[in-house]
């Protein structure tokens, strides 16, 4: 049976936009990571290679671009 890790975990990590299945590198069990979960373990995150699986990173908001004045 696949293990499930639900909900956001405290602390940092990247948040998933989609539910994904990965293999735990220690136990070799299938792990289900649900959309909205934060992935803390770098070994699990490294297995999630599709960019659409991740939510966009909004931690560093971009400042507005300055344009030249045409006066």
Protein backbone atom coordinates (compact mmCIF):
# COMPACT_ATOMS: atom_id res chain seq x y z
CA UNK A 1 0.00 0.00 0.00
CA UNK A 2 1.25 3.52 -0.81
CA UNK A 3 2.09 5.84 2.06
CA UNK A 4 0.45 9.25 2.07
CA UNK A 5 1.85 12.49 3.37
CA UNK A 6 -0.88 15.07 3.57
CA UNK A 7 -1.12 18.80 4.03
CA UNK A 8 1.53 21.45 4.14
CA UNK A 9 4.38 20.75 6.48
CA UNK A 10 5.84 23.43 8.73
CA UNK A 11 8.93 25.26 7.57
CA UNK A 12 10.32 25.76 4.10
CA UNK A 13 10.04 23.62 1.02
CA UNK A 14 8.40 23.83 -2.37
CA UNK A 15 4.63 23.48 -2.70
CA UNK A 16 3.09 21.05 -5.16
CA UNK A 17 0.46 22.16 -7.67
CA UNK A 18 -0.41 18.55 -8.60
CA UNK A 19 -0.56 15.20 -6.80
CA UNK A 20 2.53 13.10 -7.57
CA UNK A 21 3.81 9.59 -6.84
CA UNK A 22 7.48 9.15 -5.89
CA UNK A 23 9.60 6.38 -4.37
CA UNK A 24 11.01 6.81 -0.87
CA UNK A 25 14.77 6.29 -1.34
CA UNK A 26 15.15 4.62 2.07
CA UNK A 27 12.17 2.25 2.20
CA UNK A 28 11.50 1.97 -1.56
CA UNK A 29 7.79 2.45 -0.82
CA UNK A 30 5.59 4.49 -3.12
CA UNK A 31 4.77 7.85 -1.55
CA UNK A 32 1.76 9.94 -2.60
CA UNK A 33 2.36 13.67 -2.23
CA UNK A 34 -0.90 15.58 -2.62
CA UNK A 35 -1.37 18.91 -4.34
CA UNK A 36 -0.81 21.73 -1.84
CA UNK A 37 1.77 19.75 0.16
CA UNK A 38 5.20 21.19 0.80
CA UNK A 39 8.07 18.89 -0.11
CA UNK A 40 10.82 19.17 2.51
CA UNK A 41 12.94 16.14 1.56
CA UNK A 42 15.42 16.99 -1.22
CA UNK A 43 15.59 13.30 -2.25
CA UNK A 44 11.84 13.28 -2.90
CA UNK A 45 11.84 16.71 -4.55
CA UNK A 46 14.60 15.60 -6.94
CA UNK A 47 12.27 12.91 -8.32
CA UNK A 48 9.62 15.48 -9.28
CA UNK A 49 10.99 16.69 -12.59
CA UNK A 50 7.90 18.00 -14.37
CA UNK A 51 7.75 21.80 -13.91
CA UNK A 52 3.92 21.84 -13.89
CA UNK A 53 3.94 19.71 -10.74
CA UNK A 54 5.20 22.69 -8.73
CA UNK A 55 3.34 25.85 -7.78
CA UNK A 56 5.03 29.05 -8.94
CA UNK A 57 7.41 30.52 -6.39
CA UNK A 58 5.94 33.80 -5.18
CA UNK A 59 8.36 34.24 -2.28
CA UNK A 60 10.28 37.02 -4.05
CA UNK A 61 7.87 39.48 -5.65
CA UNK A 62 9.21 41.26 -8.69
CA UNK A 63 9.45 45.01 -8.65
CA UNK A 64 7.75 46.88 -11.49
CA UNK A 65 9.86 47.58 -14.56
CA UNK A 66 10.86 51.14 -15.15
CA UNK A 67 10.37 52.48 -18.61
CA UNK A 68 12.00 55.44 -20.23
CA UNK A 69 10.04 58.61 -20.42
CA UNK A 70 9.24 59.79 -23.93
CA UNK A 71 8.86 63.45 -22.93
